[in-house]
N, C-alpha and C. Protein backbone atom coordinates (compact mmCIF):
# COMPACT_ATOMS: atom_id res chain seq x y z
N UNK A 1 72.13 131.56 132.05
CA UNK A 1 73.49 131.62 131.59
C UNK A 1 74.31 130.54 132.29
N UNK A 2 74.97 129.72 131.52
CA UNK A 2 75.77 128.63 132.07
C UNK A 2 77.19 129.11 132.34
N UNK A 3 77.69 128.73 133.49
CA UNK A 3 79.08 129.04 133.80
C UNK A 3 79.97 127.97 133.17
N UNK A 4 81.27 128.21 133.17
CA UNK A 4 82.21 127.25 132.62
C UNK A 4 82.15 125.94 133.39
N UNK A 5 82.00 126.04 134.70
CA UNK A 5 81.91 124.85 135.55
C UNK A 5 80.69 124.01 135.18
N UNK A 6 79.54 124.66 134.98
CA UNK A 6 78.33 123.94 134.59
C UNK A 6 78.52 123.24 133.25
N UNK A 7 79.17 123.90 132.32
CA UNK A 7 79.40 123.30 131.01
C UNK A 7 80.32 122.09 131.10
N UNK A 8 81.36 122.17 131.93
CA UNK A 8 82.27 121.03 132.09
C UNK A 8 81.56 119.85 132.73
N UNK A 9 80.76 120.12 133.76
CA UNK A 9 80.01 119.05 134.43
C UNK A 9 79.00 118.45 133.46
N UNK A 10 78.33 119.29 132.66
CA UNK A 10 77.34 118.79 131.70
C UNK A 10 78.00 117.88 130.67
N UNK A 11 79.18 118.25 130.18
CA UNK A 11 79.89 117.39 129.21
C UNK A 11 80.30 116.07 129.86
N UNK A 12 80.76 116.11 131.10
CA UNK A 12 81.14 114.89 131.80
C UNK A 12 79.92 113.98 131.97
N UNK A 13 78.81 114.55 132.40
CA UNK A 13 77.59 113.76 132.59
C UNK A 13 77.13 113.16 131.26
N UNK A 14 77.17 113.96 130.19
CA UNK A 14 76.75 113.46 128.88
C UNK A 14 77.61 112.29 128.44
N UNK A 15 78.91 112.41 128.60
CA UNK A 15 79.83 111.35 128.18
C UNK A 15 79.61 110.07 128.97
N UNK A 16 79.55 110.19 130.29
CA UNK A 16 79.40 109.00 131.13
C UNK A 16 78.03 108.35 130.98
N UNK A 17 76.98 109.16 130.91
CA UNK A 17 75.64 108.58 130.74
C UNK A 17 75.48 107.93 129.36
N UNK A 18 76.12 108.50 128.35
CA UNK A 18 76.07 107.89 127.02
C UNK A 18 76.66 106.49 127.05
N UNK A 19 77.81 106.36 127.69
CA UNK A 19 78.44 105.04 127.78
C UNK A 19 77.60 104.08 128.61
N UNK A 20 77.02 104.58 129.70
CA UNK A 20 76.22 103.75 130.59
C UNK A 20 74.95 103.27 129.88
N UNK A 21 74.26 104.17 129.21
CA UNK A 21 73.02 103.81 128.52
C UNK A 21 73.31 102.91 127.33
N UNK A 22 74.42 103.16 126.64
CA UNK A 22 74.81 102.30 125.53
C UNK A 22 75.03 100.87 125.99
N UNK A 23 75.71 100.71 127.12
CA UNK A 23 75.96 99.35 127.62
C UNK A 23 74.68 98.66 128.06
N UNK A 24 73.70 99.44 128.55
CA UNK A 24 72.45 98.83 129.01
C UNK A 24 71.49 98.54 127.86
N UNK A 25 71.53 99.34 126.79
CA UNK A 25 70.61 99.12 125.68
C UNK A 25 71.22 98.30 124.56
N UNK A 26 72.45 97.86 124.74
CA UNK A 26 73.11 97.05 123.71
C UNK A 26 72.36 95.75 123.47
N UNK A 27 71.72 95.21 124.49
CA UNK A 27 70.99 93.96 124.36
C UNK A 27 69.69 94.12 123.58
N UNK A 28 69.18 95.34 123.51
CA UNK A 28 67.93 95.61 122.81
C UNK A 28 68.25 95.90 121.35
N UNK A 29 67.90 94.97 120.48
CA UNK A 29 68.19 95.13 119.06
C UNK A 29 67.16 96.05 118.42
N UNK A 30 67.62 96.90 117.53
CA UNK A 30 66.73 97.80 116.82
C UNK A 30 66.38 99.05 117.59
N UNK A 31 67.12 99.36 118.65
CA UNK A 31 66.87 100.55 119.45
C UNK A 31 68.18 101.29 119.66
N UNK A 32 68.15 102.59 119.38
CA UNK A 32 69.34 103.41 119.59
C UNK A 32 68.96 104.60 120.46
N UNK A 33 69.65 104.76 121.57
CA UNK A 33 69.40 105.86 122.50
C UNK A 33 70.65 106.72 122.58
N UNK A 34 70.47 108.02 122.38
CA UNK A 34 71.58 108.96 122.40
C UNK A 34 71.29 110.06 123.41
N UNK A 35 72.29 110.42 124.20
CA UNK A 35 72.16 111.56 125.10
C UNK A 35 72.49 112.80 124.27
N UNK A 36 71.45 113.56 123.92
CA UNK A 36 71.65 114.68 123.01
C UNK A 36 72.08 115.96 123.72
N UNK A 37 71.61 116.16 124.95
CA UNK A 37 71.97 117.38 125.66
C UNK A 37 71.81 117.17 127.16
N UNK A 38 72.64 117.86 127.93
CA UNK A 38 72.54 117.84 129.38
C UNK A 38 72.61 119.27 129.87
N UNK A 39 71.67 119.62 130.75
CA UNK A 39 71.69 120.94 131.38
C UNK A 39 71.81 120.73 132.88
N UNK A 40 72.70 121.51 133.49
CA UNK A 40 72.97 121.36 134.92
C UNK A 40 72.51 122.63 135.63
N UNK A 41 71.87 122.46 136.78
CA UNK A 41 71.43 123.61 137.56
C UNK A 41 72.63 124.36 138.13
N UNK A 42 72.46 125.63 138.50
CA UNK A 42 73.59 126.41 139.02
C UNK A 42 74.26 125.82 140.26
N UNK A 43 73.50 125.10 141.10
CA UNK A 43 74.10 124.49 142.28
C UNK A 43 74.65 123.09 142.01
N UNK A 44 74.60 122.65 140.75
CA UNK A 44 75.11 121.35 140.29
C UNK A 44 74.39 120.18 140.94
N UNK A 45 73.18 120.41 141.44
CA UNK A 45 72.43 119.36 142.13
C UNK A 45 71.45 118.62 141.25
N UNK A 46 71.06 119.23 140.12
CA UNK A 46 70.07 118.62 139.24
C UNK A 46 70.61 118.64 137.81
N UNK A 47 70.56 117.50 137.16
CA UNK A 47 70.97 117.40 135.77
C UNK A 47 69.76 116.99 134.94
N UNK A 48 69.39 117.82 133.99
CA UNK A 48 68.31 117.52 133.07
C UNK A 48 68.92 116.92 131.82
N UNK A 49 68.55 115.68 131.53
CA UNK A 49 69.15 114.93 130.43
C UNK A 49 68.11 114.72 129.34
N UNK A 50 68.46 115.11 128.11
CA UNK A 50 67.57 114.93 126.97
C UNK A 50 68.06 113.75 126.14
N UNK A 51 67.15 112.80 125.90
CA UNK A 51 67.48 111.58 125.17
C UNK A 51 66.82 111.59 123.80
N UNK A 52 67.58 111.23 122.80
CA UNK A 52 67.07 111.06 121.45
C UNK A 52 66.99 109.55 121.20
N UNK A 53 65.81 109.09 120.79
CA UNK A 53 65.58 107.65 120.63
C UNK A 53 65.22 107.36 119.17
N UNK A 54 65.86 106.33 118.62
CA UNK A 54 65.53 105.87 117.28
C UNK A 54 65.18 104.40 117.34
N UNK A 55 64.08 103.96 116.84
CA UNK A 55 63.02 104.68 116.15
C UNK A 55 62.19 105.51 117.14
N UNK A 56 61.68 106.62 116.65
CA UNK A 56 61.02 107.59 117.52
C UNK A 56 59.70 107.06 118.10
N UNK A 57 59.13 106.02 117.52
CA UNK A 57 57.89 105.45 118.07
C UNK A 57 58.13 104.85 119.45
N UNK A 58 59.33 104.37 119.69
CA UNK A 58 59.65 103.76 120.98
C UNK A 58 60.17 104.77 122.00
N UNK A 59 60.20 106.05 121.63
CA UNK A 59 60.75 107.09 122.49
C UNK A 59 60.09 107.23 123.84
N UNK A 60 58.76 107.48 123.88
CA UNK A 60 58.11 107.65 125.19
C UNK A 60 58.24 106.43 126.09
N UNK A 61 58.12 105.25 125.50
CA UNK A 61 58.24 104.01 126.29
C UNK A 61 59.65 103.86 126.86
N UNK A 62 60.66 104.17 126.05
CA UNK A 62 62.05 104.05 126.48
C UNK A 62 62.37 105.04 127.59
N UNK A 63 61.93 106.27 127.44
CA UNK A 63 62.18 107.29 128.47
C UNK A 63 61.45 106.93 129.75
N UNK A 64 60.24 106.36 129.64
CA UNK A 64 59.51 105.93 130.83
C UNK A 64 60.27 104.82 131.55
N UNK A 65 60.80 103.86 130.80
CA UNK A 65 61.58 102.78 131.41
C UNK A 65 62.83 103.32 132.09
N UNK A 66 63.49 104.28 131.48
CA UNK A 66 64.69 104.87 132.08
C UNK A 66 64.32 105.63 133.34
N UNK A 67 63.21 106.38 133.30
CA UNK A 67 62.78 107.11 134.50
C UNK A 67 62.35 106.16 135.62
N UNK A 68 61.81 105.00 135.27
CA UNK A 68 61.45 104.01 136.28
C UNK A 68 62.69 103.42 136.97
N UNK A 69 63.82 103.39 136.25
CA UNK A 69 65.05 102.84 136.79
C UNK A 69 66.09 103.91 137.11
N UNK A 70 65.63 105.13 137.38
CA UNK A 70 66.56 106.25 137.56
C UNK A 70 67.45 106.06 138.78
N UNK A 71 66.98 105.39 139.81
CA UNK A 71 67.81 105.17 141.00
C UNK A 71 69.01 104.28 140.69
N UNK A 72 68.77 103.21 139.94
CA UNK A 72 69.86 102.32 139.55
C UNK A 72 70.85 103.03 138.62
N UNK A 73 70.32 103.81 137.69
CA UNK A 73 71.18 104.53 136.76
C UNK A 73 72.02 105.55 137.50
N UNK A 74 71.42 106.26 138.47
CA UNK A 74 72.17 107.25 139.25
C UNK A 74 73.25 106.57 140.08
N UNK A 75 72.95 105.40 140.63
CA UNK A 75 73.96 104.68 141.41
C UNK A 75 75.13 104.27 140.52
N UNK A 76 74.83 103.67 139.36
CA UNK A 76 75.90 103.26 138.43
C UNK A 76 76.69 104.47 137.95
N UNK A 77 75.99 105.56 137.67
CA UNK A 77 76.65 106.79 137.25
C UNK A 77 77.56 107.31 138.36
N UNK A 78 77.06 107.27 139.58
CA UNK A 78 77.86 107.72 140.73
C UNK A 78 79.11 106.90 140.93
N UNK A 79 79.03 105.60 140.66
CA UNK A 79 80.21 104.75 140.78
C UNK A 79 81.27 105.13 139.74
N UNK A 80 80.81 105.57 138.57
CA UNK A 80 81.75 105.92 137.49
C UNK A 80 82.44 107.26 137.74
N UNK A 81 81.74 108.21 138.36
CA UNK A 81 82.29 109.58 138.49
C UNK A 81 82.56 109.97 139.95
N UNK A 82 82.63 109.01 140.83
CA UNK A 82 82.77 109.34 142.25
C UNK A 82 84.06 110.08 142.58
N UNK A 83 85.09 109.94 141.77
CA UNK A 83 86.34 110.64 142.03
C UNK A 83 86.40 111.99 141.33
N UNK A 84 85.42 112.28 140.49
CA UNK A 84 85.42 113.53 139.73
C UNK A 84 84.39 114.53 140.24
N UNK A 85 83.30 114.04 140.82
CA UNK A 85 82.24 114.91 141.34
C UNK A 85 82.06 114.68 142.82
N UNK A 86 81.90 115.77 143.55
CA UNK A 86 81.68 115.64 144.98
C UNK A 86 80.22 115.29 145.26
N UNK A 87 79.32 115.92 144.53
CA UNK A 87 77.88 115.66 144.67
C UNK A 87 77.38 115.04 143.37
N UNK A 88 76.74 113.87 143.49
CA UNK A 88 76.16 113.23 142.31
C UNK A 88 74.79 113.87 142.09
N UNK A 89 74.58 114.51 140.95
CA UNK A 89 73.33 115.24 140.74
C UNK A 89 72.13 114.31 140.56
N UNK A 90 70.97 114.84 140.89
CA UNK A 90 69.73 114.15 140.63
C UNK A 90 69.52 114.16 139.11
N UNK A 91 69.17 113.01 138.55
CA UNK A 91 69.04 112.90 137.10
C UNK A 91 67.56 112.95 136.71
N UNK A 92 67.25 113.81 135.74
CA UNK A 92 65.90 113.90 135.20
C UNK A 92 65.98 113.69 133.70
N UNK A 93 65.28 112.68 133.21
CA UNK A 93 65.34 112.31 131.80
C UNK A 93 64.10 112.79 131.06
N UNK A 94 64.33 113.37 129.88
CA UNK A 94 63.24 113.82 129.01
C UNK A 94 63.54 113.40 127.59
N UNK A 95 62.48 113.27 126.80
CA UNK A 95 62.61 112.90 125.40
C UNK A 95 62.94 114.14 124.57
N UNK A 96 63.97 114.04 123.75
CA UNK A 96 64.36 115.12 122.86
C UNK A 96 63.68 114.89 121.52
N UNK A 97 62.79 115.79 121.14
CA UNK A 97 62.02 115.63 119.90
C UNK A 97 62.53 116.54 118.79
N UNK A 98 63.73 117.03 118.91
CA UNK A 98 64.28 117.95 117.91
C UNK A 98 64.37 117.31 116.53
N UNK A 99 64.79 116.06 116.45
CA UNK A 99 64.94 115.39 115.16
C UNK A 99 63.59 115.21 114.48
N UNK A 100 62.57 114.84 115.26
CA UNK A 100 61.23 114.70 114.70
C UNK A 100 60.71 116.04 114.20
N UNK A 101 60.99 117.09 114.96
CA UNK A 101 60.54 118.43 114.56
C UNK A 101 61.24 118.87 113.28
N UNK A 102 62.53 118.60 113.17
CA UNK A 102 63.27 118.95 111.96
C UNK A 102 62.74 118.18 110.75
N UNK A 103 62.42 116.90 110.93
CA UNK A 103 61.87 116.09 109.84
C UNK A 103 60.50 116.63 109.41
N UNK A 104 59.71 117.06 110.37
CA UNK A 104 58.39 117.62 110.06
C UNK A 104 58.54 118.92 109.28
N UNK A 105 59.44 119.79 109.68
CA UNK A 105 59.67 121.05 108.98
C UNK A 105 60.17 120.76 107.55
N UNK A 106 61.07 119.80 107.42
CA UNK A 106 61.60 119.44 106.11
C UNK A 106 60.46 118.93 105.20
N UNK A 107 59.56 118.15 105.77
CA UNK A 107 58.42 117.64 105.02
C UNK A 107 57.54 118.79 104.54
N UNK A 108 57.30 119.75 105.41
CA UNK A 108 56.47 120.89 105.06
C UNK A 108 57.12 121.73 103.96
N UNK A 109 58.43 121.86 104.01
CA UNK A 109 59.12 122.65 103.01
C UNK A 109 59.12 121.97 101.63
N UNK A 110 59.11 120.65 101.63
CA UNK A 110 59.09 119.92 100.36
C UNK A 110 57.74 120.04 99.65
N UNK A 111 56.68 120.30 100.42
CA UNK A 111 55.33 120.41 99.83
C UNK A 111 55.19 121.72 99.18
């Protein structure tokens, strides 16, 4: 169960990371990365971030690259929210496959 504080922090993290990732992936043509969901632990120390990547074939590679650069992303994120958060949470990135799953279900229903 998420508290109101966790939900507010999750929305802040989602907004700031979306802008940060957008600015970093703007140079990569043909790739769109969206922060689809953020879940924050009760102690606000860990943020689990789900990324939706289009085209989906590049998803695992993109998430791996982001996880390889997580220290730099956390530093840049910390610079953006240093006046709003006392503790900068540890960021964990995962691939969100909800859109692929929905497309698969839609395909099955059409058959």
